[in-house]
Amino acid sequence: MDTTALMVGQEVWVASGPYGYKGKVSEVGPGGVRVETQAGPFWFDTDGNSEREPTREGGPWCIDIGLD
């Protein structure tokens, strides 16, 4: 996912396999985005890769913009 298309205040899902958190984009910059969730902040680079430890069952964390 190209995170440069996201906007501050946009609601997104942060997911790793069966795990996920609803969050809001709180910062967008040339290096990526910050998403605030109930589990704390997640940082994603411009390609949507997170530095947070992947889960064993789901792999790396990613952003999903398809909210219901």
PDB file of N, CA and C in Angstrom:
ATOM      1  N   MET A   1       0.835  -1.172   0.000  1.00  0.00           N
ATOM      2  CA  MET A   1       0.000   0.000   0.000  1.00  0.00           C
ATOM      3  C   MET A   1       0.881   1.238   0.000  1.00  0.00           C
ATOM      4  N   ASP A   2       0.533   2.205  -0.791  1.00  0.00           N
ATOM      5  CA  ASP A   2       1.234   3.486  -0.836  1.00  0.00           C
ATOM      6  C   ASP A   2       0.626   4.395   0.230  1.00  0.00           C
ATOM      7  N   THR A   3       1.324   4.574   1.341  1.00  0.00           N
ATOM      8  CA  THR A   3       0.766   5.342   2.461  1.00  0.00           C
ATOM      9  C   THR A   3       0.703   6.841   2.185  1.00  0.00           C
ATOM     10  N   THR A   4       1.347   7.322   1.127  1.00  0.00           N
ATOM     11  CA  THR A   4       1.297   8.760   0.826  1.00  0.00           C
ATOM     12  C   THR A   4      -0.102   9.189   0.404  1.00  0.00           C
ATOM     13  N   ALA A   5      -0.987   8.239   0.076  1.00  0.00           N
ATOM     14  CA  ALA A   5      -2.356   8.568  -0.315  1.00  0.00           C
ATOM     15  C   ALA A   5      -3.280   8.740   0.895  1.00  0.00           C
ATOM     16  N   LEU A   6      -2.802   8.413   2.103  1.00  0.00           N
ATOM     17  CA  LEU A   6      -3.625   8.536   3.306  1.00  0.00           C
ATOM     18  C   LEU A   6      -3.641   9.979   3.802  1.00  0.00           C
ATOM     19  N   MET A   7      -4.687  10.323   4.570  1.00  0.00           N
ATOM     20  CA  MET A   7      -4.838  11.674   5.105  1.00  0.00           C
ATOM     21  C   MET A   7      -4.982  11.621   6.623  1.00  0.00           C
ATOM     22  N   VAL A   8      -4.531  12.663   7.297  1.00  0.00           N
ATOM     23  CA  VAL A   8      -4.694  12.763   8.753  1.00  0.00           C
ATOM     24  C   VAL A   8      -6.185  12.717   9.072  1.00  0.00           C
ATOM     25  N   GLY A   9      -6.543  11.910  10.070  1.00  0.00           N
ATOM     26  CA  GLY A   9      -7.929  11.743  10.482  1.00  0.00           C
ATOM     27  C   GLY A   9      -8.634  10.584   9.807  1.00  0.00           C
ATOM     28  N   GLN A  10      -8.044  10.016   8.771  1.00  0.00           N
ATOM     29  CA  GLN A  10      -8.652   8.901   8.061  1.00  0.00           C
ATOM     30  C   GLN A  10      -8.648   7.658   8.942  1.00  0.00           C
ATOM     31  N   GLU A  11      -9.779   6.944   8.975  1.00  0.00           N
ATOM     32  CA  GLU A  11      -9.875   5.710   9.739  1.00  0.00           C
ATOM     33  C   GLU A  11      -9.359   4.559   8.895  1.00  0.00           C
ATOM     34  N   VAL A  12      -8.558   3.703   9.531  1.00  0.00           N
ATOM     35  CA  VAL A  12      -7.973   2.543   8.862  1.00  0.00           C
ATOM     36  C   VAL A  12      -7.971   1.371   9.833  1.00  0.00           C
ATOM     37  N   TRP A  13      -7.714   0.185   9.306  1.00  0.00           N
ATOM     38  CA  TRP A  13      -7.463  -0.997  10.118  1.00  0.00           C
ATOM     39  C   TRP A  13      -5.988  -1.313  10.033  1.00  0.00           C
ATOM     40  N   VAL A  14      -5.409  -1.705  11.160  1.00  0.00           N
ATOM     41  CA  VAL A  14      -4.041  -2.205  11.213  1.00  0.00           C
ATOM     42  C   VAL A  14      -4.183  -3.695  11.506  1.00  0.00           C
ATOM     43  N   ALA A  15      -3.661  -4.541  10.629  1.00  0.00           N
ATOM     44  CA  ALA A  15      -3.928  -5.974  10.753  1.00  0.00           C
ATOM     45  C   ALA A  15      -2.677  -6.822  10.593  1.00  0.00           C
ATOM     46  N   SER A  16      -2.704  -7.966  11.267  1.00  0.00           N
ATOM     47  CA  SER A  16      -1.703  -9.015  11.119  1.00  0.00           C
ATOM     48  C   SER A  16      -2.438 -10.336  11.248  1.00  0.00           C
ATOM     49  N   GLY A  17      -2.767 -10.940  10.117  1.00  0.00           N
ATOM     50  CA  GLY A  17      -3.526 -12.191  10.136  1.00  0.00           C
ATOM     51  C   GLY A  17      -4.848 -12.025  10.855  1.00  0.00           C
ATOM     52  N   PRO A  18      -5.109 -12.823  11.908  1.00  0.00           N
ATOM     53  CA  PRO A  18      -6.387 -12.746  12.605  1.00  0.00           C
ATOM     54  C   PRO A  18      -6.488 -11.560  13.579  1.00  0.00           C
ATOM     55  N   TYR A  19      -5.420 -10.823  13.762  1.00  0.00           N
ATOM     56  CA  TYR A  19      -5.398  -9.710  14.712  1.00  0.00           C
ATOM     57  C   TYR A  19      -5.578  -8.382  13.988  1.00  0.00           C
ATOM     58  N   GLY A  20      -6.255  -7.466  14.641  1.00  0.00           N
ATOM     59  CA  GLY A  20      -6.429  -6.165  14.020  1.00  0.00           C
ATOM     60  C   GLY A  20      -6.903  -5.122  15.006  1.00  0.00           C
ATOM     61  N   TYR A  21      -6.612  -3.863  14.674  1.00  0.00           N
ATOM     62  CA  TYR A  21      -7.034  -2.726  15.474  1.00  0.00           C
ATOM     63  C   TYR A  21      -7.549  -1.645  14.541  1.00  0.00           C
ATOM     64  N   LYS A  22      -8.654  -1.039  14.946  1.00  0.00           N
ATOM     65  CA  LYS A  22      -9.154   0.122  14.228  1.00  0.00           C
ATOM     66  C   LYS A  22      -8.354   1.324  14.720  1.00  0.00           C
ATOM     67  N   GLY A  23      -7.963   2.184  13.811  1.00  0.00           N
ATOM     68  CA  GLY A  23      -7.185   3.347  14.203  1.00  0.00           C
ATOM     69  C   GLY A  23      -7.415   4.529  13.293  1.00  0.00           C
ATOM     70  N   LYS A  24      -6.731   5.631  13.629  1.00  0.00           N
ATOM     71  CA  LYS A  24      -6.801   6.847  12.824  1.00  0.00           C
ATOM     72  C   LYS A  24      -5.398   7.303  12.484  1.00  0.00           C
ATOM     73  N   VAL A  25      -5.240   7.753  11.258  1.00  0.00           N
ATOM     74  CA  VAL A  25      -3.970   8.306  10.823  1.00  0.00           C
ATOM     75  C   VAL A  25      -3.770   9.626  11.564  1.00  0.00           C
ATOM     76  N   SER A  26      -2.651   9.754  12.278  1.00  0.00           N
ATOM     77  CA  SER A  26      -2.406  10.971  13.054  1.00  0.00           C
ATOM     78  C   SER A  26      -1.281  11.821  12.473  1.00  0.00           C
ATOM     79  N   GLU A  27      -0.490  11.240  11.586  1.00  0.00           N
ATOM     80  CA  GLU A  27       0.625  11.984  11.000  1.00  0.00           C
ATOM     81  C   GLU A  27       0.952  11.387   9.634  1.00  0.00           C
ATOM     82  N   VAL A  28       1.148  12.258   8.655  1.00  0.00           N
ATOM     83  CA  VAL A  28       1.558  11.835   7.319  1.00  0.00           C
ATOM     84  C   VAL A  28       2.775  12.659   6.940  1.00  0.00           C
ATOM     85  N   GLY A  29       3.824  12.007   6.497  1.00  0.00           N
ATOM     86  CA  GLY A  29       5.037  12.717   6.102  1.00  0.00           C
ATOM     87  C   GLY A  29       5.713  12.011   4.950  1.00  0.00           C
ATOM     88  N   PRO A  30       6.826  12.550   4.494  1.00  0.00           N
ATOM     89  CA  PRO A  30       7.521  11.947   3.358  1.00  0.00           C
ATOM     90  C   PRO A  30       8.089  10.559   3.659  1.00  0.00           C
ATOM     91  N   GLY A  31       8.253  10.221   4.946  1.00  0.00           N
ATOM     92  CA  GLY A  31       8.787   8.914   5.317  1.00  0.00           C
ATOM     93  C   GLY A  31       7.744   7.871   5.623  1.00  0.00           C
ATOM     94  N   GLY A  32       6.462   8.272   5.713  1.00  0.00           N
ATOM     95  CA  GLY A  32       5.407   7.321   6.018  1.00  0.00           C
ATOM     96  C   GLY A  32       4.306   7.930   6.859  1.00  0.00           C
ATOM     97  N   VAL A  33       3.595   7.080   7.597  1.00  0.00           N
ATOM     98  CA  VAL A  33       2.459   7.528   8.406  1.00  0.00           C
ATOM     99  C   VAL A  33       2.503   6.930   9.802  1.00  0.00           C
ATOM    100  N   ARG A  34       1.813   7.607  10.710  1.00  0.00           N
ATOM    101  CA  ARG A  34       1.623   7.122  12.074  1.00  0.00           C
ATOM    102  C   ARG A  34       0.135   6.892  12.241  1.00  0.00           C
ATOM    103  N   VAL A  35      -0.211   5.708  12.780  1.00  0.00           N
ATOM    104  CA  VAL A  35      -1.612   5.355  13.024  1.00  0.00           C
ATOM    105  C   VAL A  35      -1.778   5.115  14.514  1.00  0.00           C
ATOM    106  N   GLU A  36      -2.723   5.824  15.127  1.00  0.00           N
ATOM    107  CA  GLU A  36      -3.024   5.664  16.555  1.00  0.00           C
ATOM    108  C   GLU A  36      -4.106   4.612  16.727  1.00  0.00           C
ATOM    109  N   THR A  37      -3.823   3.595  17.577  1.00  0.00           N
ATOM    110  CA  THR A  37      -4.794   2.538  17.879  1.00  0.00           C
ATOM    111  C   THR A  37      -4.882   2.374  19.389  1.00  0.00           C
ATOM    112  N   GLN A  38      -5.810   1.533  19.844  1.00  0.00           N
ATOM    113  CA  GLN A  38      -5.909   1.252  21.280  1.00  0.00           C
ATOM    114  C   GLN A  38      -4.684   0.514  21.781  1.00  0.00           C
ATOM    115  N   ALA A  39      -3.921  -0.110  20.887  1.00  0.00           N
ATOM    116  CA  ALA A  39      -2.695  -0.833  21.263  1.00  0.00           C
ATOM    117  C   ALA A  39      -1.464   0.063  21.169  1.00  0.00           C
ATOM    118  N   GLY A  40      -1.677   1.344  20.933  1.00  0.00           N
ATOM    119  CA  GLY A  40      -0.567   2.273  20.802  1.00  0.00           C
ATOM    120  C   GLY A  40      -0.335   2.655  19.350  1.00  0.00           C
ATOM    121  N   PRO A  41       0.681   3.472  19.121  1.00  0.00           N
ATOM    122  CA  PRO A  41       0.933   3.924  17.755  1.00  0.00           C
ATOM    123  C   PRO A  41       1.639   2.873  16.908  1.00  0.00           C
ATOM    124  N   PHE A  42       1.325   2.889  15.637  1.00  0.00           N
ATOM    125  CA  PHE A  42       2.005   2.074  14.636  1.00  0.00           C
ATOM    126  C   PHE A  42       2.625   3.023  13.624  1.00  0.00           C
ATOM    127  N   TRP A  43       3.859   2.787  13.237  1.00  0.00           N
ATOM    128  CA  TRP A  43       4.535   3.566  12.199  1.00  0.00           C
ATOM    129  C   TRP A  43       4.664   2.711  10.951  1.00  0.00           C
ATOM    130  N   PHE A  44       4.324   3.262   9.812  1.00  0.00           N
ATOM    131  CA  PHE A  44       4.444   2.570   8.534  1.00  0.00           C
ATOM    132  C   PHE A  44       5.241   3.434   7.574  1.00  0.00           C
ATOM    133  N   ASP A  45       6.146   2.807   6.809  1.00  0.00           N
ATOM    134  CA  ASP A  45       6.899   3.570   5.811  1.00  0.00           C
ATOM    135  C   ASP A  45       6.002   3.823   4.596  1.00  0.00           C
ATOM    136  N   THR A  46       6.537   4.453   3.565  1.00  0.00           N
ATOM    137  CA  THR A  46       5.727   4.824   2.404  1.00  0.00           C
ATOM    138  C   THR A  46       5.198   3.625   1.630  1.00  0.00           C
ATOM    139  N   ASP A  47       5.769   2.443   1.843  1.00  0.00           N
ATOM    140  CA  ASP A  47       5.292   1.227   1.185  1.00  0.00           C
ATOM    141  C   ASP A  47       4.313   0.439   2.053  1.00  0.00           C
ATOM    142  N   GLY A  48       4.020   0.943   3.260  1.00  0.00           N
ATOM    143  CA  GLY A  48       3.090   0.261   4.158  1.00  0.00           C
ATOM    144  C   GLY A  48       3.718  -0.774   5.051  1.00  0.00           C
ATOM    145  N   ASN A  49       5.049  -0.787   5.156  1.00  0.00           N
ATOM    146  CA  ASN A  49       5.747  -1.742   6.023  1.00  0.00           C
ATOM    147  C   ASN A  49       5.895  -1.169   7.425  1.00  0.00           C
ATOM    148  N   SER A  50       5.612  -1.977   8.436  1.00  0.00           N
ATOM    149  CA  SER A  50       5.710  -1.555   9.825  1.00  0.00           C
ATOM    150  C   SER A  50       6.980  -2.103  10.464  1.00  0.00           C
ATOM    151  N   GLU A  51       7.518  -1.346  11.405  1.00  0.00           N
ATOM    152  CA  GLU A  51       8.682  -1.807  12.160  1.00  0.00           C
ATOM    153  C   GLU A  51       8.277  -2.637  13.370  1.00  0.00           C
ATOM    154  N   ARG A  52       6.976  -2.713  13.638  1.00  0.00           N
ATOM    155  CA  ARG A  52       6.501  -3.476  14.788  1.00  0.00           C
ATOM    156  C   ARG A  52       6.705  -4.972  14.543  1.00  0.00           C
ATOM    157  N   GLU A  53       6.978  -5.690  15.602  1.00  0.00           N
ATOM    158  CA  GLU A  53       7.219  -7.140  15.540  1.00  0.00           C
ATOM    159  C   GLU A  53       6.016  -7.849  14.907  1.00  0.00           C
ATOM    160  N   PRO A  54       6.250  -8.694  13.883  1.00  0.00           N
ATOM    161  CA  PRO A  54       5.135  -9.434  13.271  1.00  0.00           C
ATOM    162  C   PRO A  54       4.558 -10.448  14.254  1.00  0.00           C
ATOM    163  N   THR A  55       3.311 -10.827  14.034  1.00  0.00           N
ATOM    164  CA  THR A  55       2.728 -11.880  14.861  1.00  0.00           C
ATOM    165  C   THR A  55       3.093 -13.239  14.264  1.00  0.00           C
ATOM    166  N   ARG A  56       3.157 -14.230  15.106  1.00  0.00           N
ATOM    167  CA  ARG A  56       3.524 -15.579  14.658  1.00  0.00           C
ATOM    168  C   ARG A  56       2.492 -16.133  13.672  1.00  0.00           C
ATOM    169  N   GLU A  57       1.215 -15.891  13.960  1.00  0.00           N
ATOM    170  CA  GLU A  57       0.157 -16.453  13.128  1.00  0.00           C
ATOM    171  C   GLU A  57      -0.104 -15.647  11.861  1.00  0.00           C
ATOM    172  N   GLY A  58       0.101 -14.329  11.922  1.00  0.00           N
ATOM    173  CA  GLY A  58      -0.321 -13.479  10.810  1.00  0.00           C
ATOM    174  C   GLY A  58       0.771 -12.794  10.030  1.00  0.00           C
ATOM    175  N   GLY A  59       1.987 -12.819  10.537  1.00  0.00           N
ATOM    176  CA  GLY A  59       3.075 -12.161   9.820  1.00  0.00           C
ATOM    177  C   GLY A  59       3.129 -10.667  10.087  1.00  0.00           C
ATOM    178  N   PRO A  60       3.664  -9.905   9.141  1.00  0.00           N
ATOM    179  CA  PRO A  60       3.854  -8.472   9.369  1.00  0.00           C
ATOM    180  C   PRO A  60       2.535  -7.704   9.463  1.00  0.00           C
ATOM    181  N   TRP A  61       2.593  -6.582  10.162  1.00  0.00           N
ATOM    182  CA  TRP A  61       1.439  -5.699  10.292  1.00  0.00           C
ATOM    183  C   TRP A  61       1.264  -4.909   8.989  1.00  0.00           C
ATOM    184  N   CYS A  62       0.010  -4.684   8.598  1.00  0.00           N
ATOM    185  CA  CYS A  62      -0.259  -3.909   7.389  1.00  0.00           C
ATOM    186  C   CYS A  62      -1.469  -3.008   7.617  1.00  0.00           C
ATOM    187  N   ILE A  63      -1.662  -2.080   6.701  1.00  0.00           N
ATOM    188  CA  ILE A  63      -2.792  -1.149   6.770  1.00  0.00           C
ATOM    189  C   ILE A  63      -3.861  -1.606   5.791  1.00  0.00           C
ATOM    190  N   ASP A  64      -5.106  -1.609   6.249  1.00  0.00           N
ATOM    191  CA  ASP A  64      -6.255  -1.919   5.398  1.00  0.00           C
ATOM    192  C   ASP A  64      -7.210  -0.756   5.492  1.00  0.00           C
ATOM    193  N   ILE A  65      -7.497  -0.106   4.364  1.00  0.00           N
ATOM    194  CA  ILE A  65      -8.377   1.074   4.419  1.00  0.00           C
ATOM    195  C   ILE A  65      -9.842   0.733   4.227  1.00  0.00           C
ATOM    196  N   GLY A  66     -10.171  -0.529   3.997  1.00  0.00           N
ATOM    197  CA  GLY A  66     -11.563  -0.917   3.755  1.00  0.00           C
ATOM    198  C   GLY A  66     -12.348  -1.107   5.027  1.00  0.00           C
ATOM    199  N   LEU A  67     -12.888  -0.036   5.587  1.00  0.00           N
ATOM    200  CA  LEU A  67     -13.706  -0.135   6.804  1.00  0.00           C
ATOM    201  C   LEU A  67     -15.161  -0.368   6.438  1.00  0.00           C
ATOM    202  N   ASP A  68     -15.845  -1.150   7.246  1.00  0.00           N
ATOM    203  CA  ASP A  68     -17.280  -1.389   7.051  1.00  0.00           C
ATOM    204  C   ASP A  68     -18.067  -0.393   7.857  1.00  0.00           C
TER     205      ASP A  68
END
